[in-house]
């Protein structure tokens, strides 16, 4: 591991990721952001835009701090074209079973729980105090918001966003490109992409 990291995306989410990086031993934390009016993100400097990644690629780790799944995928693809493999960051207070598989670019926030034989794809967000129970599969770019609880043996498709405080019961499948509203309860398979809200969930668009 390098002692230096570049975080792409200077926002509140970026500040949280920067703190996780600090707790993981990074001594130099820099930001890139395409909003050139910004100069810092919390106590950390913004040193350029996404066009500047090449000058840091040889001696810095990289991670993306953007909540929007589609934008995170786009930037991940850009890093891949530059032969940059992202790191994964896990908050020290998170509980991660030793059999869990976590791919590059994924961030796991404070007090999250990831249980036995969970598979988490590329550039996912497992947010504060959420839980992913045994044998779940989260495909690439999934965003699990704070306080979400996903029961065992659930599959969540690529780029799906589970809103804050939602609950997903066991043995279900949620297809790609869904948005599950805050506080919703998922009690059946979701086979068609779209936006779902309520307890139990219903499709609204």
C-alpha atoms as a PDB file:
ATOM      1  CA  UNK A   1       0.000   0.000   0.000  1.00  0.00           C
ATOM      2  CA  UNK A   2       1.163   3.494  -0.805  1.00  0.00           C
ATOM      3  CA  UNK A   3       1.075   6.063   1.971  1.00  0.00           C
ATOM      4  CA  UNK A   4      -0.502   8.531  -0.458  1.00  0.00           C
ATOM      5  CA  UNK A   5      -4.000   8.475  -1.937  1.00  0.00           C
ATOM      6  CA  UNK A   6      -5.969  10.506  -4.457  1.00  0.00           C
ATOM      7  CA  UNK A   7      -9.718  10.738  -3.901  1.00  0.00           C
ATOM      8  CA  UNK A   8     -11.815  11.695  -6.925  1.00  0.00           C
ATOM      9  CA  UNK A   9     -14.860  13.715  -5.876  1.00  0.00           C
ATOM     10  CA  UNK A  10     -14.699  16.514  -3.289  1.00  0.00           C
ATOM     11  CA  UNK A  11     -17.985  16.392  -1.385  1.00  0.00           C
ATOM     12  CA  UNK A  12     -19.371  15.404   1.995  1.00  0.00           C
ATOM     13  CA  UNK A  13     -19.066  11.780   0.903  1.00  0.00           C
ATOM     14  CA  UNK A  14     -15.451  12.527   0.030  1.00  0.00           C
ATOM     15  CA  UNK A  15     -14.794  13.877   3.528  1.00  0.00           C
ATOM     16  CA  UNK A  16     -16.023  10.593   5.022  1.00  0.00           C
ATOM     17  CA  UNK A  17     -13.800   8.578   2.681  1.00  0.00           C
ATOM     18  CA  UNK A  18     -10.834  10.808   3.500  1.00  0.00           C
ATOM     19  CA  UNK A  19     -11.291  10.036   7.186  1.00  0.00           C
ATOM     20  CA  UNK A  20     -11.378   6.309   6.438  1.00  0.00           C
ATOM     21  CA  UNK A  21      -8.185   6.724   4.411  1.00  0.00           C
ATOM     22  CA  UNK A  22      -6.546   8.516   7.337  1.00  0.00           C
ATOM     23  CA  UNK A  23      -7.586   5.730   9.702  1.00  0.00           C
ATOM     24  CA  UNK A  24      -6.093   3.220   7.261  1.00  0.00           C
ATOM     25  CA  UNK A  25      -2.684   4.884   7.559  1.00  0.00           C
ATOM     26  CA  UNK A  26      -2.550   7.205   4.558  1.00  0.00           C
ATOM     27  CA  UNK A  27      -0.245  10.127   5.277  1.00  0.00           C
ATOM     28  CA  UNK A  28      -0.998  12.217   2.181  1.00  0.00           C
ATOM     29  CA  UNK A  29      -4.622  12.627   1.080  1.00  0.00           C
ATOM     30  CA  UNK A  30      -5.371  14.661  -2.032  1.00  0.00           C
ATOM     31  CA  UNK A  31      -8.562  15.374  -3.949  1.00  0.00           C
ATOM     32  CA  UNK A  32      -9.378  15.810  -7.621  1.00  0.00           C
ATOM     33  CA  UNK A  33     -12.662  17.443  -8.615  1.00  0.00           C
ATOM     34  CA  UNK A  34     -13.919  18.849 -11.905  1.00  0.00           C
ATOM     35  CA  UNK A  35     -15.507  21.850 -10.148  1.00  0.00           C
ATOM     36  CA  UNK A  36     -12.611  24.264 -10.469  1.00  0.00           C
ATOM     37  CA  UNK A  37     -14.173  26.718  -8.016  1.00  0.00           C
ATOM     38  CA  UNK A  38     -13.352  24.368  -5.133  1.00  0.00           C
ATOM     39  CA  UNK A  39      -9.993  24.643  -3.380  1.00  0.00           C
ATOM     40  CA  UNK A  40     -10.304  22.143  -0.536  1.00  0.00           C
ATOM     41  CA  UNK A  41     -12.435  19.324   0.835  1.00  0.00           C
ATOM     42  CA  UNK A  42     -12.471  19.634   4.589  1.00  0.00           C
ATOM     43  CA  UNK A  43      -8.845  19.894   5.636  1.00  0.00           C
ATOM     44  CA  UNK A  44      -7.515  18.293   2.457  1.00  0.00           C
ATOM     45  CA  UNK A  45      -6.417  20.129  -0.708  1.00  0.00           C
ATOM     46  CA  UNK A  46      -7.985  19.797  -4.143  1.00  0.00           C
ATOM     47  CA  UNK A  47      -4.974  19.631  -6.446  1.00  0.00           C
ATOM     48  CA  UNK A  48      -6.639  19.377  -9.855  1.00  0.00           C
ATOM     49  CA  UNK A  49      -9.363  17.774 -11.951  1.00  0.00           C
ATOM     50  CA  UNK A  50      -9.901  14.281 -13.296  1.00  0.00           C
ATOM     51  CA  UNK A  51      -7.695  15.240 -16.236  1.00  0.00           C
ATOM     52  CA  UNK A  52      -4.727  15.253 -13.850  1.00  0.00           C
ATOM     53  CA  UNK A  53      -4.837  11.615 -12.786  1.00  0.00           C
ATOM     54  CA  UNK A  54      -1.780  10.618 -14.814  1.00  0.00           C
ATOM     55  CA  UNK A  55       0.617  12.715 -12.768  1.00  0.00           C
ATOM     56  CA  UNK A  56      -0.335  10.796  -9.611  1.00  0.00           C
ATOM     57  CA  UNK A  57      -0.760   7.277 -10.979  1.00  0.00           C
ATOM     58  CA  UNK A  58       2.762   6.033 -10.239  1.00  0.00           C
ATOM     59  CA  UNK A  59       2.959   6.782  -6.530  1.00  0.00           C
ATOM     60  CA  UNK A  60      -0.615   7.221  -5.253  1.00  0.00           C
ATOM     61  CA  UNK A  61      -3.506   4.901  -4.600  1.00  0.00           C
ATOM     62  CA  UNK A  62      -6.871   5.973  -6.041  1.00  0.00           C
ATOM     63  CA  UNK A  63     -10.494   5.778  -4.988  1.00  0.00           C
ATOM     64  CA  UNK A  64     -13.701   7.460  -6.171  1.00  0.00           C
ATOM     65  CA  UNK A  65     -15.888   9.392  -3.735  1.00  0.00           C
ATOM     66  CA  UNK A  66     -19.023   9.975  -5.814  1.00  0.00           C
ATOM     67  CA  UNK A  67     -22.381   8.653  -4.691  1.00  0.00           C
ATOM     68  CA  UNK A  68     -24.028   8.625  -8.118  1.00  0.00           C
ATOM     69  CA  UNK A  69     -23.621   5.093  -9.446  1.00  0.00           C
ATOM     70  CA  UNK A  70     -23.448   5.980 -13.131  1.00  0.00           C
ATOM     71  CA  UNK A  71     -20.838   8.703 -12.637  1.00  0.00           C
ATOM     72  CA  UNK A  72     -18.803   6.383 -10.414  1.00  0.00           C
ATOM     73  CA  UNK A  73     -18.881   3.750 -13.161  1.00  0.00           C
ATOM     74  CA  UNK A  74     -17.797   6.283 -15.789  1.00  0.00           C
ATOM     75  CA  UNK A  75     -14.799   7.379 -13.726  1.00  0.00           C
ATOM     76  CA  UNK A  76     -13.929   3.780 -12.847  1.00  0.00           C
ATOM     77  CA  UNK A  77     -13.805   3.000 -16.559  1.00  0.00           C
ATOM     78  CA  UNK A  78     -11.562   6.023 -17.105  1.00  0.00           C
ATOM     79  CA  UNK A  79      -9.155   4.806 -14.419  1.00  0.00           C
ATOM     80  CA  UNK A  80      -9.136   1.336 -15.948  1.00  0.00           C
ATOM     81  CA  UNK A  81      -8.168   2.792 -19.326  1.00  0.00           C
ATOM     82  CA  UNK A  82      -5.203   4.394 -17.572  1.00  0.00           C
ATOM     83  CA  UNK A  83      -4.273   1.029 -16.012  1.00  0.00           C
ATOM     84  CA  UNK A  84      -5.067   2.358 -12.548  1.00  0.00           C
ATOM     85  CA  UNK A  85      -6.523  -0.193 -10.155  1.00  0.00           C
ATOM     86  CA  UNK A  86      -8.438   1.370  -7.293  1.00  0.00           C
ATOM     87  CA  UNK A  87      -7.867   0.437  -3.691  1.00  0.00           C
ATOM     88  CA  UNK A  88     -10.660  -0.635  -1.340  1.00  0.00           C
ATOM     89  CA  UNK A  89     -11.185   1.212   1.948  1.00  0.00           C
ATOM     90  CA  UNK A  90     -12.760  -0.314   5.065  1.00  0.00           C
ATOM     91  CA  UNK A  91     -13.414   1.644   8.242  1.00  0.00           C
ATOM     92  CA  UNK A  92     -11.695   0.027  11.246  1.00  0.00           C
ATOM     93  CA  UNK A  93     -15.028  -0.284  13.085  1.00  0.00           C
ATOM     94  CA  UNK A  94     -16.657  -2.289  10.284  1.00  0.00           C
ATOM     95  CA  UNK A  95     -17.109  -6.026  10.888  1.00  0.00           C
ATOM     96  CA  UNK A  96     -16.064  -8.042   7.840  1.00  0.00           C
ATOM     97  CA  UNK A  97     -16.215 -11.834   7.806  1.00  0.00           C
ATOM     98  CA  UNK A  98     -12.968 -13.394   6.600  1.00  0.00           C
ATOM     99  CA  UNK A  99     -14.830 -15.254   3.835  1.00  0.00           C
ATOM    100  CA  UNK A 100     -16.295 -12.086   2.310  1.00  0.00           C
ATOM    101  CA  UNK A 101     -14.942 -11.046  -1.106  1.00  0.00           C
ATOM    102  CA  UNK A 102     -14.613  -7.308  -1.732  1.00  0.00           C
ATOM    103  CA  UNK A 103     -13.459  -5.911  -5.064  1.00  0.00           C
ATOM    104  CA  UNK A 104     -11.443  -2.798  -5.806  1.00  0.00           C
ATOM    105  CA  UNK A 105     -12.898   0.656  -5.395  1.00  0.00           C
ATOM    106  CA  UNK A 106     -15.421  -0.399  -2.750  1.00  0.00           C
ATOM    107  CA  UNK A 107     -15.789   1.646   0.428  1.00  0.00           C
ATOM    108  CA  UNK A 108     -17.210   0.196   3.658  1.00  0.00           C
ATOM    109  CA  UNK A 109     -18.146   2.812   6.228  1.00  0.00           C
ATOM    110  CA  UNK A 110     -18.162   2.907  10.023  1.00  0.00           C
ATOM    111  CA  UNK A 111     -20.091   0.214  11.929  1.00  0.00           C
ATOM    112  CA  UNK A 112     -21.133  -1.657   8.789  1.00  0.00           C
ATOM    113  CA  UNK A 113     -21.379  -5.458   8.962  1.00  0.00           C
ATOM    114  CA  UNK A 114     -20.561  -7.804   6.075  1.00  0.00           C
ATOM    115  CA  UNK A 115     -21.197 -11.426   6.941  1.00  0.00           C
ATOM    116  CA  UNK A 116     -20.086 -14.844   5.707  1.00  0.00           C
ATOM    117  CA  UNK A 117     -19.479 -15.472   2.001  1.00  0.00           C
ATOM    118  CA  UNK A 118     -20.792 -12.116   0.841  1.00  0.00           C
ATOM    119  CA  UNK A 119     -19.519 -11.008  -2.562  1.00  0.00           C
ATOM    120  CA  UNK A 120     -19.253  -7.257  -3.158  1.00  0.00           C
ATOM    121  CA  UNK A 121     -18.389  -6.003  -6.615  1.00  0.00           C
ATOM    122  CA  UNK A 122     -16.319  -3.158  -7.953  1.00  0.00           C
ATOM    123  CA  UNK A 123     -16.769   0.413  -6.655  1.00  0.00           C
ATOM    124  CA  UNK A 124     -19.657  -0.293  -4.314  1.00  0.00           C
ATOM    125  CA  UNK A 125     -20.617   1.828  -1.304  1.00  0.00           C
ATOM    126  CA  UNK A 126     -21.580   0.053   1.922  1.00  0.00           C
ATOM    127  CA  UNK A 127     -22.580   3.016   4.019  1.00  0.00           C
ATOM    128  CA  UNK A 128     -22.628   3.782   7.728  1.00  0.00           C
ATOM    129  CA  UNK A 129     -24.196   1.179  10.041  1.00  0.00           C
ATOM    130  CA  UNK A 130     -25.617  -0.916   7.210  1.00  0.00           C
ATOM    131  CA  UNK A 131     -25.545  -4.715   7.218  1.00  0.00           C
ATOM    132  CA  UNK A 132     -25.173  -7.288   4.467  1.00  0.00           C
ATOM    133  CA  UNK A 133     -25.925 -10.776   5.698  1.00  0.00           C
ATOM    134  CA  UNK A 134     -24.583 -14.164   4.633  1.00  0.00           C
ATOM    135  CA  UNK A 135     -24.135 -15.199   0.996  1.00  0.00           C
ATOM    136  CA  UNK A 136     -25.417 -12.011  -0.571  1.00  0.00           C
ATOM    137  CA  UNK A 137     -24.092 -10.911  -3.950  1.00  0.00           C
ATOM    138  CA  UNK A 138     -23.798  -7.204  -4.725  1.00  0.00           C
ATOM    139  CA  UNK A 139     -22.845  -6.509  -8.318  1.00  0.00           C
ATOM    140  CA  UNK A 140     -20.666  -3.580  -9.410  1.00  0.00           C
ATOM    141  CA  UNK A 141     -21.560   0.032  -8.446  1.00  0.00           C
ATOM    142  CA  UNK A 142     -24.253  -0.853  -5.921  1.00  0.00           C
ATOM    143  CA  UNK A 143     -24.864   1.849  -3.288  1.00  0.00           C
ATOM    144  CA  UNK A 144     -26.200   0.678   0.077  1.00  0.00           C
ATOM    145  CA  UNK A 145     -27.180   3.744   2.106  1.00  0.00           C
ATOM    146  CA  UNK A 146     -26.801   4.261   5.875  1.00  0.00           C
ATOM    147  CA  UNK A 147     -28.868   1.999   8.092  1.00  0.00           C
ATOM    148  CA  UNK A 148     -29.910  -0.423   5.347  1.00  0.00           C
ATOM    149  CA  UNK A 149     -30.351  -4.063   6.355  1.00  0.00           C
ATOM    150  CA  UNK A 150     -30.054  -6.761   3.698  1.00  0.00           C
ATOM    151  CA  UNK A 151     -30.920 -10.260   4.904  1.00  0.00           C
ATOM    152  CA  UNK A 152     -29.159 -13.416   3.742  1.00  0.00           C
ATOM    153  CA  UNK A 153     -28.890 -14.783   0.213  1.00  0.00           C
ATOM    154  CA  UNK A 154     -29.971 -11.627  -1.609  1.00  0.00           C
ATOM    155  CA  UNK A 155     -28.647 -10.620  -5.032  1.00  0.00           C
ATOM    156  CA  UNK A 156     -28.544  -6.905  -5.876  1.00  0.00           C
ATOM    157  CA  UNK A 157     -27.945  -6.007  -9.512  1.00  0.00           C
ATOM    158  CA  UNK A 158     -25.472  -3.555 -10.962  1.00  0.00           C
ATOM    159  CA  UNK A 159     -25.901   0.154 -10.179  1.00  0.00           C
ATOM    160  CA  UNK A 160     -28.877  -0.321  -7.865  1.00  0.00           C
ATOM    161  CA  UNK A 161     -29.239   2.174  -5.018  1.00  0.00           C
ATOM    162  CA  UNK A 162     -30.851   1.090  -1.738  1.00  0.00           C
ATOM    163  CA  UNK A 163     -32.104   4.173   0.136  1.00  0.00           C
ATOM    164  CA  UNK A 164     -31.407   5.030   3.761  1.00  0.00           C
ATOM    165  CA  UNK A 165     -33.030   2.767   6.316  1.00  0.00           C
ATOM    166  CA  UNK A 166     -34.490   0.315   3.783  1.00  0.00           C
ATOM    167  CA  UNK A 167     -34.887  -3.379   4.584  1.00  0.00           C
ATOM    168  CA  UNK A 168     -34.551  -6.310   2.184  1.00  0.00           C
ATOM    169  CA  UNK A 169     -35.786  -9.713   3.373  1.00  0.00           C
ATOM    170  CA  UNK A 170     -33.868 -12.906   2.629  1.00  0.00           C
ATOM    171  CA  UNK A 171     -33.680 -14.994  -0.547  1.00  0.00           C
ATOM    172  CA  UNK A 172     -34.589 -12.205  -2.979  1.00  0.00           C
ATOM    173  CA  UNK A 173     -33.178 -10.815  -6.196  1.00  0.00           C
ATOM    174  CA  UNK A 174     -33.194  -7.133  -7.163  1.00  0.00           C
ATOM    175  CA  UNK A 175     -32.352  -6.414 -10.787  1.00  0.00           C
ATOM    176  CA  UNK A 176     -29.894  -3.792 -12.054  1.00  0.00           C
ATOM    177  CA  UNK A 177     -30.555  -0.051 -12.213  1.00  0.00           C
ATOM    178  CA  UNK A 178     -33.157   0.176  -9.458  1.00  0.00           C
ATOM    179  CA  UNK A 179     -33.657   2.849  -6.841  1.00  0.00           C
ATOM    180  CA  UNK A 180     -35.227   1.701  -3.581  1.00  0.00           C
ATOM    181  CA  UNK A 181     -36.675   4.560  -1.552  1.00  0.00           C
ATOM    182  CA  UNK A 182     -35.705   5.485   1.991  1.00  0.00           C
ATOM    183  CA  UNK A 183     -37.378   3.335   4.627  1.00  0.00           C
ATOM    184  CA  UNK A 184     -38.817   0.917   2.092  1.00  0.00           C
ATOM    185  CA  UNK A 185     -39.297  -2.798   2.701  1.00  0.00           C
ATOM    186  CA  UNK A 186     -38.485  -5.215  -0.115  1.00  0.00           C
ATOM    187  CA  UNK A 187     -40.425  -8.473   0.337  1.00  0.00           C
ATOM    188  CA  UNK A 188     -40.421  -9.846  -3.211  1.00  0.00           C
ATOM    189  CA  UNK A 189     -38.108 -10.080  -6.214  1.00  0.00           C
ATOM    190  CA  UNK A 190     -37.703  -6.954  -8.314  1.00  0.00           C
ATOM    191  CA  UNK A 191     -37.369  -7.964 -11.954  1.00  0.00           C
ATOM    192  CA  UNK A 192     -37.873  -4.628 -13.731  1.00  0.00           C
ATOM    193  CA  UNK A 193     -35.602  -1.624 -13.314  1.00  0.00           C
ATOM    194  CA  UNK A 194     -37.141   1.541 -11.918  1.00  0.00           C
ATOM    195  CA  UNK A 195     -37.914   3.404  -8.702  1.00  0.00           C
ATOM    196  CA  UNK A 196     -39.649   1.587  -5.839  1.00  0.00           C
ATOM    197  CA  UNK A 197     -40.953   3.010  -2.552  1.00  0.00           C
ATOM    198  CA  UNK A 198     -43.078   1.985   0.398  1.00  0.00           C
ATOM    199  CA  UNK A 199     -43.522  -0.823   2.878  1.00  0.00           C
ATOM    200  CA  UNK A 200     -43.995  -3.141   1.125  1.00  0.00           C
ATOM    201  CA  UNK A 201     -42.446  -1.614  -1.985  1.00  0.00           C
ATOM    202  CA  UNK A 202     -44.385  -0.591  -5.052  1.00  0.00           C
ATOM    203  CA  UNK A 203     -43.061   0.750  -8.347  1.00  0.00           C
ATOM    204  CA  UNK A 204     -43.619   4.474  -8.894  1.00  0.00           C
ATOM    205  CA  UNK A 205     -41.686   4.936 -12.136  1.00  0.00           C
END
